[in-house]
Protein backbone atom coordinates (compact mmCIF):
# COMPACT_ATOMS: atom_id res chain seq x y z
CA MET A 1 79.96 -0.27 65.10
CA HIS A 2 77.50 0.19 62.21
CA VAL A 3 77.14 3.76 60.98
CA ASP A 4 74.17 4.86 58.87
CA ILE A 5 76.02 6.89 56.25
CA PHE A 6 72.89 8.67 55.00
CA THR A 7 71.81 9.65 58.53
CA ASP A 8 75.31 10.96 59.17
CA MET A 9 75.27 12.93 55.90
CA THR A 10 71.93 14.59 56.65
CA LYS A 11 73.54 16.37 59.59
CA GLN A 12 74.95 18.63 56.89
CA LYS A 13 72.09 20.95 56.02
CA ILE A 14 71.63 22.12 52.44
CA THR A 15 69.10 24.25 50.60
CA ILE A 16 66.89 22.55 48.00
CA ALA A 17 65.22 24.87 45.49
CA ILE A 18 62.44 23.47 43.30
CA ASP A 19 61.06 25.62 40.49
CA GLY A 20 58.78 24.83 37.62
CA PHE A 21 55.44 25.28 35.93
CA SER A 22 52.10 24.98 37.69
CA SER A 23 50.79 21.51 38.53
CA THR A 24 54.09 19.73 37.95
CA GLY A 25 53.97 18.19 41.42
CA LYS A 26 56.57 20.52 42.92
CA SER A 27 54.83 20.67 46.30
CA THR A 28 54.26 16.91 46.46
CA ILE A 29 57.94 16.13 45.89
CA ALA A 30 59.06 18.98 48.16
CA LYS A 31 56.88 17.73 51.04
CA ALA A 32 58.18 14.18 50.62
CA LEU A 33 61.81 15.37 50.60
CA ALA A 34 61.30 17.55 53.66
CA LYS A 35 59.74 14.66 55.55
CA GLU A 36 62.53 12.24 54.58
CA LEU A 37 65.29 14.70 55.45
CA ASN A 38 63.55 16.28 58.45
CA TYR A 39 63.83 19.66 56.71
CA ILE A 40 61.53 22.67 56.76
CA TYR A 41 59.18 22.81 53.78
CA VAL A 42 57.94 26.13 52.38
CA ASP A 43 55.32 26.34 49.65
CA THR A 44 55.93 29.82 48.22
CA GLY A 45 53.01 29.39 45.85
CA ALA A 46 50.73 29.29 48.89
CA MET A 47 52.12 32.67 49.95
CA TYR A 48 51.27 34.27 46.60
CA ARG A 49 47.87 32.60 46.67
CA ALA A 50 47.22 34.03 50.14
CA VAL A 51 48.04 37.55 48.96
CA THR A 52 45.71 36.96 46.01
CA LEU A 53 42.95 35.83 48.36
CA TYR A 54 43.46 38.99 50.42
CA ALA A 55 43.13 41.10 47.26
CA MET A 56 39.96 39.23 46.32
CA GLN A 57 38.45 39.66 49.79
CA ASN A 58 39.05 43.41 49.60
CA ASN A 59 37.76 43.72 46.02
CA TYR A 60 41.15 44.78 44.66
CA ILE A 61 41.06 42.07 42.02
CA SER A 62 38.41 40.09 40.14
CA SER A 63 38.09 38.28 36.83
CA ASP A 64 37.66 41.58 34.98
CA SER A 65 39.44 44.20 37.12
CA PHE A 66 42.63 44.70 39.11
CA ASN A 67 43.82 47.69 41.14
CA PRO A 68 47.42 46.86 42.04
CA THR A 69 47.97 50.25 43.71
CA GLN A 70 45.38 49.47 46.39
CA LEU A 71 46.99 46.10 47.05
CA ILE A 72 50.49 47.58 47.21
CA ASN A 73 49.32 50.20 49.72
CA ASP A 74 47.82 47.42 51.84
CA LEU A 75 50.77 45.02 51.88
CA ASP A 76 51.81 45.92 55.43
CA LYS A 77 48.44 44.58 56.56
CA VAL A 78 49.08 41.18 54.97
CA LYS A 79 50.56 38.84 57.58
CA LEU A 80 51.51 35.38 56.35
CA SER A 81 52.57 32.36 58.38
CA PHE A 82 52.77 28.58 58.19
CA THR A 83 51.52 26.35 61.01
CA PHE A 84 52.38 22.66 61.01
CA ASN A 85 49.37 20.33 61.03
CA GLU A 86 50.44 17.04 62.61
CA THR A 87 47.39 15.20 61.27
CA LEU A 88 48.09 16.22 57.67
CA GLY A 89 51.87 16.04 58.03
CA PHE A 90 52.58 19.47 56.51
CA ALA A 91 52.30 23.16 57.33
CA GLU A 92 49.14 25.03 56.38
CA MET A 93 48.90 28.61 55.15
CA TYR A 94 47.56 31.28 57.50
CA LEU A 95 46.52 34.75 56.39
CA ASN A 96 46.24 37.26 59.23
CA ASN A 97 45.97 34.39 61.74
CA THR A 98 43.23 32.60 59.78
CA ASN A 99 43.73 29.18 58.18
CA VAL A 100 43.14 29.70 54.44
CA GLU A 101 44.64 26.46 53.13
CA LYS A 102 41.42 25.36 51.45
CA GLU A 103 40.39 28.80 50.15
CA ILE A 104 43.69 29.44 48.37
CA ARG A 105 43.48 26.17 46.37
CA THR A 106 40.33 27.11 44.44
CA ILE A 107 40.21 27.64 40.69
CA GLU A 108 39.13 31.25 41.34
CA VAL A 109 42.42 31.97 43.10
CA SER A 110 44.36 29.99 40.48
CA LYS A 111 42.96 32.23 37.74
CA LEU A 112 44.24 35.40 39.42
CA VAL A 113 47.41 34.46 41.29
CA SER A 114 49.82 35.00 38.38
CA LYS A 115 48.63 38.61 38.00
CA VAL A 116 49.28 39.29 41.68
CA ALA A 117 52.64 37.47 41.58
CA ALA A 118 53.78 39.74 38.73
CA ILE A 119 53.65 42.82 41.00
CA SER A 120 57.21 43.78 41.98
CA GLU A 121 56.24 45.07 45.43
CA VAL A 122 54.50 41.79 46.23
CA ARG A 123 57.52 39.78 45.10
CA LYS A 124 59.91 41.96 47.10
CA LYS A 125 57.91 41.42 50.29
CA LEU A 126 57.58 37.67 49.88
CA VAL A 127 61.14 37.03 48.67
CA SER A 128 62.44 38.82 51.76
CA GLU A 129 60.29 36.62 54.02
CA GLN A 130 61.34 33.48 52.14
CA GLN A 131 65.05 34.29 52.42
CA GLU A 132 64.63 34.84 56.16
CA MET A 133 63.02 31.39 56.50
CA GLY A 134 65.98 29.73 54.79
CA LYS A 135 68.89 31.48 56.52
CA GLU A 136 69.88 28.36 58.47
CA LYS A 137 69.58 25.99 55.47
CA GLY A 138 67.86 22.64 56.01
CA ILE A 139 64.96 23.82 53.85
CA VAL A 140 63.04 22.63 50.80
CA MET A 141 61.31 25.48 49.00
CA ASP A 142 59.28 25.34 45.81
CA GLY A 143 57.98 28.08 43.55
CA ARG A 144 58.83 29.99 40.38
CA ASP A 145 62.02 31.90 41.27
CA ILE A 146 63.60 29.97 44.12
CA GLY A 147 66.77 28.91 42.30
CA THR A 148 67.15 32.17 40.39
CA VAL A 149 66.18 34.85 42.93
CA VAL A 150 65.41 33.57 46.43
CA PHE A 151 68.30 31.10 46.81
CA PRO A 152 70.66 31.50 43.83
CA ASP A 153 73.35 29.65 45.81
CA ALA A 154 71.20 26.62 46.69
CA GLU A 155 73.16 23.38 46.69
CA LEU A 156 70.45 21.56 44.72
CA LYS A 157 68.17 23.18 42.16
CA LEU A 158 65.45 21.33 40.28
CA PHE A 159 63.33 22.65 37.43
CA MET A 160 60.18 20.58 37.05
CA THR A 161 58.16 20.44 33.88
CA ALA A 162 55.50 18.34 32.15
CA SER A 163 53.17 18.76 29.20
CA ALA A 164 50.28 21.19 29.70
CA ASP A 165 47.80 18.39 29.04
CA LYS A 166 49.28 16.12 31.72
CA ARG A 167 49.38 18.97 34.22
CA ALA A 168 45.80 19.99 33.51
CA LYS A 169 44.62 16.39 34.00
CA ARG A 170 46.42 16.19 37.35
CA ARG A 171 44.92 19.47 38.51
CA TYR A 172 41.46 18.48 37.29
CA LYS A 173 41.58 15.17 39.20
CA GLU A 174 42.81 16.94 42.34
CA LEU A 175 39.93 19.43 42.28
CA ILE A 176 37.29 16.84 41.39
CA ASP A 177 38.50 14.55 44.19
CA ARG A 178 38.16 17.50 46.56
CA GLY A 179 34.57 18.04 45.47
CA ASP A 180 35.01 21.18 43.36
CA ASN A 181 32.75 21.76 40.35
CA VAL A 182 35.21 22.34 37.49
CA ASN A 183 35.64 21.29 33.87
CA TYR A 184 38.79 20.10 32.13
CA GLU A 185 38.90 22.77 29.41
CA GLU A 186 38.78 25.52 32.05
CA ILE A 187 41.67 23.90 33.91
CA LEU A 188 43.74 23.50 30.73
CA HIS A 189 43.18 27.15 29.79
CA ASN A 190 44.21 28.22 33.30
CA VAL A 191 47.41 26.14 33.14
CA GLN A 192 48.36 27.60 29.74
CA GLU A 193 47.55 31.17 30.79
CA ARG A 194 49.56 30.86 34.00
CA ASP A 195 52.50 29.51 31.99
CA ARG A 196 52.31 32.55 29.70
CA ILE A 197 52.11 35.13 32.51
CA ASP A 198 54.73 33.44 34.73
CA SER A 199 57.22 33.11 31.87
CA THR A 200 56.83 36.60 30.42
CA ARG A 201 56.43 38.83 33.50
CA GLU A 202 59.03 41.57 33.83
CA ASP A 203 60.00 40.87 37.44
CA SER A 204 61.58 37.45 38.15
CA PRO A 205 60.06 35.48 35.25
CA LEU A 206 59.87 31.71 35.47
CA ILE A 207 63.09 30.49 33.91
CA LYS A 208 65.39 27.55 34.52
CA ALA A 209 68.50 28.48 36.51
CA GLU A 210 71.69 27.72 34.61
CA ASP A 211 72.77 25.16 37.21
CA ALA A 212 69.32 23.61 37.74
CA ILE A 213 68.55 20.03 36.78
CA GLU A 214 65.53 19.80 34.49
CA PHE A 215 63.05 17.16 35.58
CA ASP A 216 60.28 16.21 33.13
CA ASN A 217 57.77 14.06 34.99
CA SER A 218 55.11 13.83 32.26
CA ASP A 219 55.27 10.04 32.31
CA MET A 220 56.72 9.42 35.75
CA GLY A 221 55.00 8.15 38.88
CA LEU A 222 55.55 9.71 42.30
CA LYS A 223 57.68 6.82 43.59
CA GLU A 224 60.08 7.02 40.64
CA GLN A 225 60.28 10.81 40.94
CA PHE A 226 61.09 10.62 44.63
CA GLU A 227 63.77 7.97 44.18
CA ARG A 228 65.47 9.93 41.40
CA VAL A 229 65.45 13.17 43.37
CA MET A 230 66.73 11.45 46.52
CA THR A 231 69.69 10.19 44.49
CA LEU A 232 70.48 13.80 43.60
CA VAL A 233 70.08 14.90 47.22
CA LYS A 234 72.48 12.21 48.47
CA ASP A 235 74.99 13.30 45.83
CA ARG A 236 74.88 16.88 47.14
CA LEU A 237 75.11 15.77 50.76
């Protein structure tokens, strides 16, 4: 009788942690892996973006002001959830029972999210929720501190990187294709500023876990990336 070795292996559930800089394609690879493995996919960046959107809606943060105390006092009112969209093939972000998937992907949110993500109380709340989601393994999670803080014992850790210029061009194309009115220089500045804030914040800075595999995809297409990562996944399984 023929046995599909890979199908048999995937019965063993592992945790896949993907960290890295903004616009390195973490979510794209994570979604593809989750679909191939029939795992749960969690975009932690969407969670921080949703909290940022909440702060913006309540005038706690803007381009020239930020009152973290007000946001911290309001965190119990921030309810986050993911709901799978069968048409799109992935889960969308909901903030207090409202679909905010489109709103959280704007350049306005991108400019402010790193400031919100640097708040220890915000990180504590979201890390706790993320760890609860992954208790049973069989999960692919991407973000900034997944392999170092959320799942330090993950069986597979990837650290994705690419040049700032390549990342800015990807982000620019994504926003233009969506119909947003943006310019490249603004996107590049945002990418560089987010790198600076994410890497230097006091609480859970963006760093490569000691046992993570660095993955530079500056000159790599999606198909090649996926095939290389799947090889690593099969090795762990």
